[in-house]
Amino acid sequence: LLDLTGTLDYLTSTSGGPAVVSEG
């Protein structure tokens, strides 16, 4: 869903920073 809606990068990155790796 995040990928399809184009929100993956926004919801998984820090403000102005690199993507946050999901620790899952």
mmCIF file of all heavy atoms, coordinates in Angstrom:
data_MODEL
# 
_entry.id   MODEL 
# 
loop_
_atom_site.group_PDB 
_atom_site.id 
_atom_site.type_symbol 
_atom_site.label_atom_id 
_atom_site.label_alt_id 
_atom_site.label_comp_id 
_atom_site.label_asym_id 
_atom_site.label_entity_id 
_atom_site.label_seq_id 
_atom_site.pdbx_PDB_ins_code 
_atom_site.Cartn_x 
_atom_site.Cartn_y 
_atom_site.Cartn_z 
_atom_site.occupancy 
_atom_site.B_iso_or_equiv 
_atom_site.pdbx_formal_charge 
_atom_site.auth_seq_id 
_atom_site.auth_comp_id 
_atom_site.auth_asym_id 
_atom_site.auth_atom_id 
_atom_site.pdbx_PDB_model_num 
ATOM 1   N N   . LEU A 1 1  ? 0.830  -1.202 0.000  1.00 0.00 ? 1  LEU A N   1 
ATOM 2   C CA  . LEU A 1 1  ? 0.000  0.000  0.000  1.00 0.00 ? 1  LEU A CA  1 
ATOM 3   C C   . LEU A 1 1  ? 0.866  1.254  0.000  1.00 0.00 ? 1  LEU A C   1 
ATOM 4   O O   . LEU A 1 1  ? 0.604  2.203  -0.746 1.00 0.00 ? 1  LEU A O   1 
ATOM 5   C CB  . LEU A 1 1  ? -0.941 0.006  1.213  1.00 0.00 ? 1  LEU A CB  1 
ATOM 6   C CG  . LEU A 1 1  ? -1.862 1.218  1.345  1.00 0.00 ? 1  LEU A CG  1 
ATOM 7   C CD1 . LEU A 1 1  ? -2.834 1.302  0.171  1.00 0.00 ? 1  LEU A CD1 1 
ATOM 8   C CD2 . LEU A 1 1  ? -2.603 1.170  2.666  1.00 0.00 ? 1  LEU A CD2 1 
ATOM 9   N N   . LEU A 1 2  ? 1.908  1.263  0.811  1.00 0.00 ? 2  LEU A N   1 
ATOM 10  C CA  . LEU A 1 2  ? 2.799  2.419  0.855  1.00 0.00 ? 2  LEU A CA  1 
ATOM 11  C C   . LEU A 1 2  ? 3.501  2.618  -0.482 1.00 0.00 ? 2  LEU A C   1 
ATOM 12  O O   . LEU A 1 2  ? 3.645  3.752  -0.959 1.00 0.00 ? 2  LEU A O   1 
ATOM 13  C CB  . LEU A 1 2  ? 3.826  2.266  1.979  1.00 0.00 ? 2  LEU A CB  1 
ATOM 14  C CG  . LEU A 1 2  ? 3.280  2.168  3.403  1.00 0.00 ? 2  LEU A CG  1 
ATOM 15  C CD1 . LEU A 1 2  ? 4.425  2.012  4.395  1.00 0.00 ? 2  LEU A CD1 1 
ATOM 16  C CD2 . LEU A 1 2  ? 2.396  3.344  3.759  1.00 0.00 ? 2  LEU A CD2 1 
ATOM 17  N N   . ASP A 1 3  ? 3.913  1.525  -1.095 1.00 0.00 ? 3  ASP A N   1 
ATOM 18  C CA  . ASP A 1 3  ? 4.581  1.598  -2.399 1.00 0.00 ? 3  ASP A CA  1 
ATOM 19  C C   . ASP A 1 3  ? 3.606  2.073  -3.483 1.00 0.00 ? 3  ASP A C   1 
ATOM 20  O O   . ASP A 1 3  ? 3.916  2.979  -4.255 1.00 0.00 ? 3  ASP A O   1 
ATOM 21  C CB  . ASP A 1 3  ? 5.177  0.237  -2.754 1.00 0.00 ? 3  ASP A CB  1 
ATOM 22  C CG  . ASP A 1 3  ? 6.045  0.295  -3.988 1.00 0.00 ? 3  ASP A CG  1 
ATOM 23  O OD1 . ASP A 1 3  ? 6.872  1.234  -4.108 1.00 0.00 ? 3  ASP A OD1 1 
ATOM 24  O OD2 . ASP A 1 3  ? 5.892  -0.590 -4.858 1.00 0.00 ? 3  ASP A OD2 1 
ATOM 25  N N   . LEU A 1 4  ? 2.432  1.491  -3.511 1.00 0.00 ? 4  LEU A N   1 
ATOM 26  C CA  . LEU A 1 4  ? 1.420  1.818  -4.520 1.00 0.00 ? 4  LEU A CA  1 
ATOM 27  C C   . LEU A 1 4  ? 0.990  3.277  -4.455 1.00 0.00 ? 4  LEU A C   1 
ATOM 28  O O   . LEU A 1 4  ? 0.767  3.920  -5.476 1.00 0.00 ? 4  LEU A O   1 
ATOM 29  C CB  . LEU A 1 4  ? 0.202  0.903  -4.345 1.00 0.00 ? 4  LEU A CB  1 
ATOM 30  C CG  . LEU A 1 4  ? -0.955 1.106  -5.297 1.00 0.00 ? 4  LEU A CG  1 
ATOM 31  C CD1 . LEU A 1 4  ? -0.554 0.721  -6.715 1.00 0.00 ? 4  LEU A CD1 1 
ATOM 32  C CD2 . LEU A 1 4  ? -2.151 0.277  -4.860 1.00 0.00 ? 4  LEU A CD2 1 
ATOM 33  N N   . THR A 1 5  ? 0.892  3.809  -3.247 1.00 0.00 ? 5  THR A N   1 
ATOM 34  C CA  . THR A 1 5  ? 0.416  5.181  -3.070 1.00 0.00 ? 5  THR A CA  1 
ATOM 35  C C   . THR A 1 5  ? 1.539  6.219  -3.095 1.00 0.00 ? 5  THR A C   1 
ATOM 36  O O   . THR A 1 5  ? 1.271  7.415  -2.981 1.00 0.00 ? 5  THR A O   1 
ATOM 37  C CB  . THR A 1 5  ? -0.358 5.322  -1.740 1.00 0.00 ? 5  THR A CB  1 
ATOM 38  O OG1 . THR A 1 5  ? 0.508  4.959  -0.660 1.00 0.00 ? 5  THR A OG1 1 
ATOM 39  C CG2 . THR A 1 5  ? -1.610 4.458  -1.748 1.00 0.00 ? 5  THR A CG2 1 
ATOM 40  N N   . GLY A 1 6  ? 2.770  5.765  -3.231 1.00 0.00 ? 6  GLY A N   1 
ATOM 41  C CA  . GLY A 1 6  ? 3.896  6.694  -3.275 1.00 0.00 ? 6  GLY A CA  1 
ATOM 42  C C   . GLY A 1 6  ? 4.239  7.287  -1.918 1.00 0.00 ? 6  GLY A C   1 
ATOM 43  O O   . GLY A 1 6  ? 4.923  8.314  -1.843 1.00 0.00 ? 6  GLY A O   1 
ATOM 44  N N   . THR A 1 7  ? 3.800  6.647  -0.841 1.00 0.00 ? 7  THR A N   1 
ATOM 45  C CA  . THR A 1 7  ? 4.057  7.177  0.500  1.00 0.00 ? 7  THR A CA  1 
ATOM 46  C C   . THR A 1 7  ? 5.146  6.415  1.252  1.00 0.00 ? 7  THR A C   1 
ATOM 47  O O   . THR A 1 7  ? 5.475  6.775  2.378  1.00 0.00 ? 7  THR A O   1 
ATOM 48  C CB  . THR A 1 7  ? 2.758  7.158  1.336  1.00 0.00 ? 7  THR A CB  1 
ATOM 49  O OG1 . THR A 1 7  ? 2.253  5.820  1.397  1.00 0.00 ? 7  THR A OG1 1 
ATOM 50  C CG2 . THR A 1 7  ? 1.703  8.079  0.739  1.00 0.00 ? 7  THR A CG2 1 
ATOM 51  N N   . LEU A 1 8  ? 5.702  5.387  0.643  1.00 0.00 ? 8  LEU A N   1 
ATOM 52  C CA  . LEU A 1 8  ? 6.709  4.564  1.312  1.00 0.00 ? 8  LEU A CA  1 
ATOM 53  C C   . LEU A 1 8  ? 7.902  5.400  1.769  1.00 0.00 ? 8  LEU A C   1 
ATOM 54  O O   . LEU A 1 8  ? 8.287  5.357  2.940  1.00 0.00 ? 8  LEU A O   1 
ATOM 55  C CB  . LEU A 1 8  ? 7.175  3.423  0.412  1.00 0.00 ? 8  LEU A CB  1 
ATOM 56  C CG  . LEU A 1 8  ? 8.239  2.498  1.003  1.00 0.00 ? 8  LEU A CG  1 
ATOM 57  C CD1 . LEU A 1 8  ? 7.687  1.743  2.201  1.00 0.00 ? 8  LEU A CD1 1 
ATOM 58  C CD2 . LEU A 1 8  ? 8.747  1.520  -0.048 1.00 0.00 ? 8  LEU A CD2 1 
ATOM 59  N N   . ASP A 1 9  ? 8.488  6.163  0.862  1.00 0.00 ? 9  ASP A N   1 
ATOM 60  C CA  . ASP A 1 9  ? 9.658  6.964  1.233  1.00 0.00 ? 9  ASP A CA  1 
ATOM 61  C C   . ASP A 1 9  ? 9.320  7.998  2.297  1.00 0.00 ? 9  ASP A C   1 
ATOM 62  O O   . ASP A 1 9  ? 10.071 8.204  3.242  1.00 0.00 ? 9  ASP A O   1 
ATOM 63  C CB  . ASP A 1 9  ? 10.259 7.659  0.014  1.00 0.00 ? 9  ASP A CB  1 
ATOM 64  C CG  . ASP A 1 9  ? 10.979 6.698  -0.911 1.00 0.00 ? 9  ASP A CG  1 
ATOM 65  O OD1 . ASP A 1 9  ? 11.324 5.578  -0.465 1.00 0.00 ? 9  ASP A OD1 1 
ATOM 66  O OD2 . ASP A 1 9  ? 11.182 7.051  -2.087 1.00 0.00 ? 9  ASP A OD2 1 
ATOM 67  N N   . TYR A 1 10 ? 8.180  8.649  2.158  1.00 0.00 ? 10 TYR A N   1 
ATOM 68  C CA  . TYR A 1 10 ? 7.782  9.677  3.127  1.00 0.00 ? 10 TYR A CA  1 
ATOM 69  C C   . TYR A 1 10 ? 7.588  9.090  4.523  1.00 0.00 ? 10 TYR A C   1 
ATOM 70  O O   . TYR A 1 10 ? 8.035  9.667  5.514  1.00 0.00 ? 10 TYR A O   1 
ATOM 71  C CB  . TYR A 1 10 ? 6.504  10.374 2.664  1.00 0.00 ? 10 TYR A CB  1 
ATOM 72  C CG  . TYR A 1 10 ? 5.981  11.384 3.650  1.00 0.00 ? 10 TYR A CG  1 
ATOM 73  C CD1 . TYR A 1 10 ? 6.675  12.563 3.895  1.00 0.00 ? 10 TYR A CD1 1 
ATOM 74  C CD2 . TYR A 1 10 ? 4.799  11.166 4.336  1.00 0.00 ? 10 TYR A CD2 1 
ATOM 75  C CE1 . TYR A 1 10 ? 6.199  13.496 4.813  1.00 0.00 ? 10 TYR A CE1 1 
ATOM 76  C CE2 . TYR A 1 10 ? 4.318  12.092 5.257  1.00 0.00 ? 10 TYR A CE2 1 
ATOM 77  C CZ  . TYR A 1 10 ? 5.022  13.260 5.485  1.00 0.00 ? 10 TYR A CZ  1 
ATOM 78  O OH  . TYR A 1 10 ? 4.554  14.171 6.384  1.00 0.00 ? 10 TYR A OH  1 
ATOM 79  N N   . LEU A 1 11 ? 6.929  7.956  4.601  1.00 0.00 ? 11 LEU A N   1 
ATOM 80  C CA  . LEU A 1 11 ? 6.627  7.374  5.908  1.00 0.00 ? 11 LEU A CA  1 
ATOM 81  C C   . LEU A 1 11 ? 7.787  6.581  6.509  1.00 0.00 ? 11 LEU A C   1 
ATOM 82  O O   . LEU A 1 11 ? 7.761  6.255  7.692  1.00 0.00 ? 11 LEU A O   1 
ATOM 83  C CB  . LEU A 1 11 ? 5.383  6.490  5.837  1.00 0.00 ? 11 LEU A CB  1 
ATOM 84  C CG  . LEU A 1 11 ? 4.069  7.262  5.761  1.00 0.00 ? 11 LEU A CG  1 
ATOM 85  C CD1 . LEU A 1 11 ? 2.906  6.338  5.454  1.00 0.00 ? 11 LEU A CD1 1 
ATOM 86  C CD2 . LEU A 1 11 ? 3.820  8.029  7.047  1.00 0.00 ? 11 LEU A CD2 1 
ATOM 87  N N   . THR A 1 12 ? 8.793  6.272  5.706  1.00 0.00 ? 12 THR A N   1 
ATOM 88  C CA  . THR A 1 12 ? 9.901  5.473  6.231  1.00 0.00 ? 12 THR A CA  1 
ATOM 89  C C   . THR A 1 12 ? 11.231 6.213  6.192  1.00 0.00 ? 12 THR A C   1 
ATOM 90  O O   . THR A 1 12 ? 12.277 5.596  6.304  1.00 0.00 ? 12 THR A O   1 
ATOM 91  C CB  . THR A 1 12 ? 10.027 4.132  5.479  1.00 0.00 ? 12 THR A CB  1 
ATOM 92  O OG1 . THR A 1 12 ? 10.263 4.399  4.092  1.00 0.00 ? 12 THR A OG1 1 
ATOM 93  C CG2 . THR A 1 12 ? 8.784  3.289  5.651  1.00 0.00 ? 12 THR A CG2 1 
ATOM 94  N N   . SER A 1 13 ? 11.185 7.521  6.042  1.00 0.00 ? 13 SER A N   1 
ATOM 95  C CA  . SER A 1 13 ? 12.421 8.306  6.104  1.00 0.00 ? 13 SER A CA  1 
ATOM 96  C C   . SER A 1 13 ? 12.274 9.356  7.185  1.00 0.00 ? 13 SER A C   1 
ATOM 97  O O   . SER A 1 13 ? 11.174 9.716  7.579  1.00 0.00 ? 13 SER A O   1 
ATOM 98  C CB  . SER A 1 13 ? 12.713 8.965  4.754  1.00 0.00 ? 13 SER A CB  1 
ATOM 99  O OG  . SER A 1 13 ? 11.735 9.934  4.464  1.00 0.00 ? 13 SER A OG  1 
ATOM 100 N N   . THR A 1 14 ? 13.381 9.840  7.667  1.00 0.00 ? 14 THR A N   1 
ATOM 101 C CA  . THR A 1 14 ? 13.350 10.907 8.660  1.00 0.00 ? 14 THR A CA  1 
ATOM 102 C C   . THR A 1 14 ? 13.322 12.232 7.922  1.00 0.00 ? 14 THR A C   1 
ATOM 103 O O   . THR A 1 14 ? 13.711 12.322 6.762  1.00 0.00 ? 14 THR A O   1 
ATOM 104 C CB  . THR A 1 14 ? 14.581 10.838 9.571  1.00 0.00 ? 14 THR A CB  1 
ATOM 105 O OG1 . THR A 1 14 ? 15.751 10.949 8.770  1.00 0.00 ? 14 THR A OG1 1 
ATOM 106 C CG2 . THR A 1 14 ? 14.604 9.557  10.374 1.00 0.00 ? 14 THR A CG2 1 
ATOM 107 N N   . SER A 1 15 ? 12.871 13.277 8.566  1.00 0.00 ? 15 SER A N   1 
ATOM 108 C CA  . SER A 1 15 ? 12.832 14.596 7.942  1.00 0.00 ? 15 SER A CA  1 
ATOM 109 C C   . SER A 1 15 ? 14.203 14.985 7.438  1.00 0.00 ? 15 SER A C   1 
ATOM 110 O O   . SER A 1 15 ? 15.142 15.075 8.217  1.00 0.00 ? 15 SER A O   1 
ATOM 111 C CB  . SER A 1 15 ? 12.348 15.648 8.938  1.00 0.00 ? 15 SER A CB  1 
ATOM 112 O OG  . SER A 1 15 ? 11.001 15.473 9.223  1.00 0.00 ? 15 SER A OG  1 
ATOM 113 N N   . GLY A 1 16 ? 14.301 15.165 6.153  1.00 0.00 ? 16 GLY A N   1 
ATOM 114 C CA  . GLY A 1 16 ? 15.551 15.593 5.562  1.00 0.00 ? 16 GLY A CA  1 
ATOM 115 C C   . GLY A 1 16 ? 16.665 14.587 5.650  1.00 0.00 ? 16 GLY A C   1 
ATOM 116 O O   . GLY A 1 16 ? 17.806 14.890 5.370  1.00 0.00 ? 16 GLY A O   1 
ATOM 117 N N   . GLY A 1 17 ? 16.358 13.360 6.065  1.00 0.00 ? 17 GLY A N   1 
ATOM 118 C CA  . GLY A 1 17 ? 17.405 12.366 6.246  1.00 0.00 ? 17 GLY A CA  1 
ATOM 119 C C   . GLY A 1 17 ? 17.176 11.158 5.369  1.00 0.00 ? 17 GLY A C   1 
ATOM 120 O O   . GLY A 1 17 ? 16.232 11.092 4.606  1.00 0.00 ? 17 GLY A O   1 
ATOM 121 N N   . PRO A 1 18 ? 18.070 10.192 5.477  1.00 0.00 ? 18 PRO A N   1 
ATOM 122 C CA  . PRO A 1 18 ? 17.953 8.979  4.669  1.00 0.00 ? 18 PRO A CA  1 
ATOM 123 C C   . PRO A 1 18 ? 16.806 8.097  5.156  1.00 0.00 ? 18 PRO A C   1 
ATOM 124 O O   . PRO A 1 18 ? 16.285 8.298  6.247  1.00 0.00 ? 18 PRO A O   1 
ATOM 125 C CB  . PRO A 1 18 ? 19.296 8.279  4.894  1.00 0.00 ? 18 PRO A CB  1 
ATOM 126 C CG  . PRO A 1 18 ? 19.737 8.782  6.230  1.00 0.00 ? 18 PRO A CG  1 
ATOM 127 C CD  . PRO A 1 18 ? 19.217 10.181 6.350  1.00 0.00 ? 18 PRO A CD  1 
ATOM 128 N N   . ALA A 1 19 ? 16.420 7.162  4.337  1.00 0.00 ? 19 ALA A N   1 
ATOM 129 C CA  . ALA A 1 19 ? 15.346 6.244  4.692  1.00 0.00 ? 19 ALA A CA  1 
ATOM 130 C C   . ALA A 1 19 ? 15.691 5.488  5.966  1.00 0.00 ? 19 ALA A C   1 
ATOM 131 O O   . ALA A 1 19 ? 16.830 5.149  6.213  1.00 0.00 ? 19 ALA A O   1 
ATOM 132 C CB  . ALA A 1 19 ? 15.099 5.259  3.560  1.00 0.00 ? 19 ALA A CB  1 
ATOM 133 N N   . VAL A 1 20 ? 14.662 5.278  6.783  1.00 0.00 ? 20 VAL A N   1 
ATOM 134 C CA  . VAL A 1 20 ? 14.816 4.514  8.009  1.00 0.00 ? 20 VAL A CA  1 
ATOM 135 C C   . VAL A 1 20 ? 14.540 3.056  7.689  1.00 0.00 ? 20 VAL A C   1 
ATOM 136 O O   . VAL A 1 20 ? 13.511 2.724  7.125  1.00 0.00 ? 20 VAL A O   1 
ATOM 137 C CB  . VAL A 1 20 ? 13.828 5.012  9.087  1.00 0.00 ? 20 VAL A CB  1 
ATOM 138 C CG1 . VAL A 1 20 ? 13.910 4.147  10.329 1.00 0.00 ? 20 VAL A CG1 1 
ATOM 139 C CG2 . VAL A 1 20 ? 14.100 6.468  9.423  1.00 0.00 ? 20 VAL A CG2 1 
ATOM 140 N N   . VAL A 1 21 ? 15.465 2.204  8.015  1.00 0.00 ? 21 VAL A N   1 
ATOM 141 C CA  . VAL A 1 21 ? 15.293 0.776  7.752  1.00 0.00 ? 21 VAL A CA  1 
ATOM 142 C C   . VAL A 1 21 ? 14.322 0.211  8.773  1.00 0.00 ? 21 VAL A C   1 
ATOM 143 O O   . VAL A 1 21 ? 14.462 0.456  9.960  1.00 0.00 ? 21 VAL A O   1 
ATOM 144 C CB  . VAL A 1 21 ? 16.652 0.042  7.847  1.00 0.00 ? 21 VAL A CB  1 
ATOM 145 C CG1 . VAL A 1 21 ? 16.470 -1.452 7.699  1.00 0.00 ? 21 VAL A CG1 1 
ATOM 146 C CG2 . VAL A 1 21 ? 17.610 0.578  6.802  1.00 0.00 ? 21 VAL A CG2 1 
ATOM 147 N N   . SER A 1 22 ? 13.328 -0.506 8.290  1.00 0.00 ? 22 SER A N   1 
ATOM 148 C CA  . SER A 1 22 ? 12.402 -1.157 9.211  1.00 0.00 ? 22 SER A CA  1 
ATOM 149 C C   . SER A 1 22 ? 13.137 -2.278 9.912  1.00 0.00 ? 22 SER A C   1 
ATOM 150 O O   . SER A 1 22 ? 13.712 -3.143 9.274  1.00 0.00 ? 22 SER A O   1 
ATOM 151 C CB  . SER A 1 22 ? 11.213 -1.730 8.438  1.00 0.00 ? 22 SER A CB  1 
ATOM 152 O OG  . SER A 1 22 ? 10.395 -2.482 9.288  1.00 0.00 ? 22 SER A OG  1 
ATOM 153 N N   . GLU A 1 23 ? 13.108 -2.233 11.223 1.00 0.00 ? 23 GLU A N   1 
ATOM 154 C CA  . GLU A 1 23 ? 13.801 -3.258 11.995 1.00 0.00 ? 23 GLU A CA  1 
ATOM 155 C C   . GLU A 1 23 ? 12.859 -4.425 12.213 1.00 0.00 ? 23 GLU A C   1 
ATOM 156 O O   . GLU A 1 23 ? 12.550 -4.802 13.323 1.00 0.00 ? 23 GLU A O   1 
ATOM 157 C CB  . GLU A 1 23 ? 14.272 -2.682 13.324 1.00 0.00 ? 23 GLU A CB  1 
ATOM 158 C CG  . GLU A 1 23 ? 15.275 -1.572 13.138 1.00 0.00 ? 23 GLU A CG  1 
ATOM 159 C CD  . GLU A 1 23 ? 15.617 -0.911 14.450 1.00 0.00 ? 23 GLU A CD  1 
ATOM 160 O OE1 . GLU A 1 23 ? 15.058 -1.274 15.492 1.00 0.00 ? 23 GLU A OE1 1 
ATOM 161 O OE2 . GLU A 1 23 ? 16.450 -0.015 14.422 1.00 0.00 ? 23 GLU A OE2 1 
ATOM 162 N N   . GLY A 1 24 ? 12.368 -4.974 11.133 1.00 0.00 ? 24 GLY A N   1 
ATOM 163 C CA  . GLY A 1 24 ? 11.413 -6.054 11.249 1.00 0.00 ? 24 GLY A CA  1 
ATOM 164 C C   . GLY A 1 24 ? 11.971 -7.346 10.732 1.00 0.00 ? 24 GLY A C   1 
ATOM 165 O O   . GLY A 1 24 ? 13.005 -7.393 10.089 1.00 0.00 ? 24 GLY A O   1 
# 
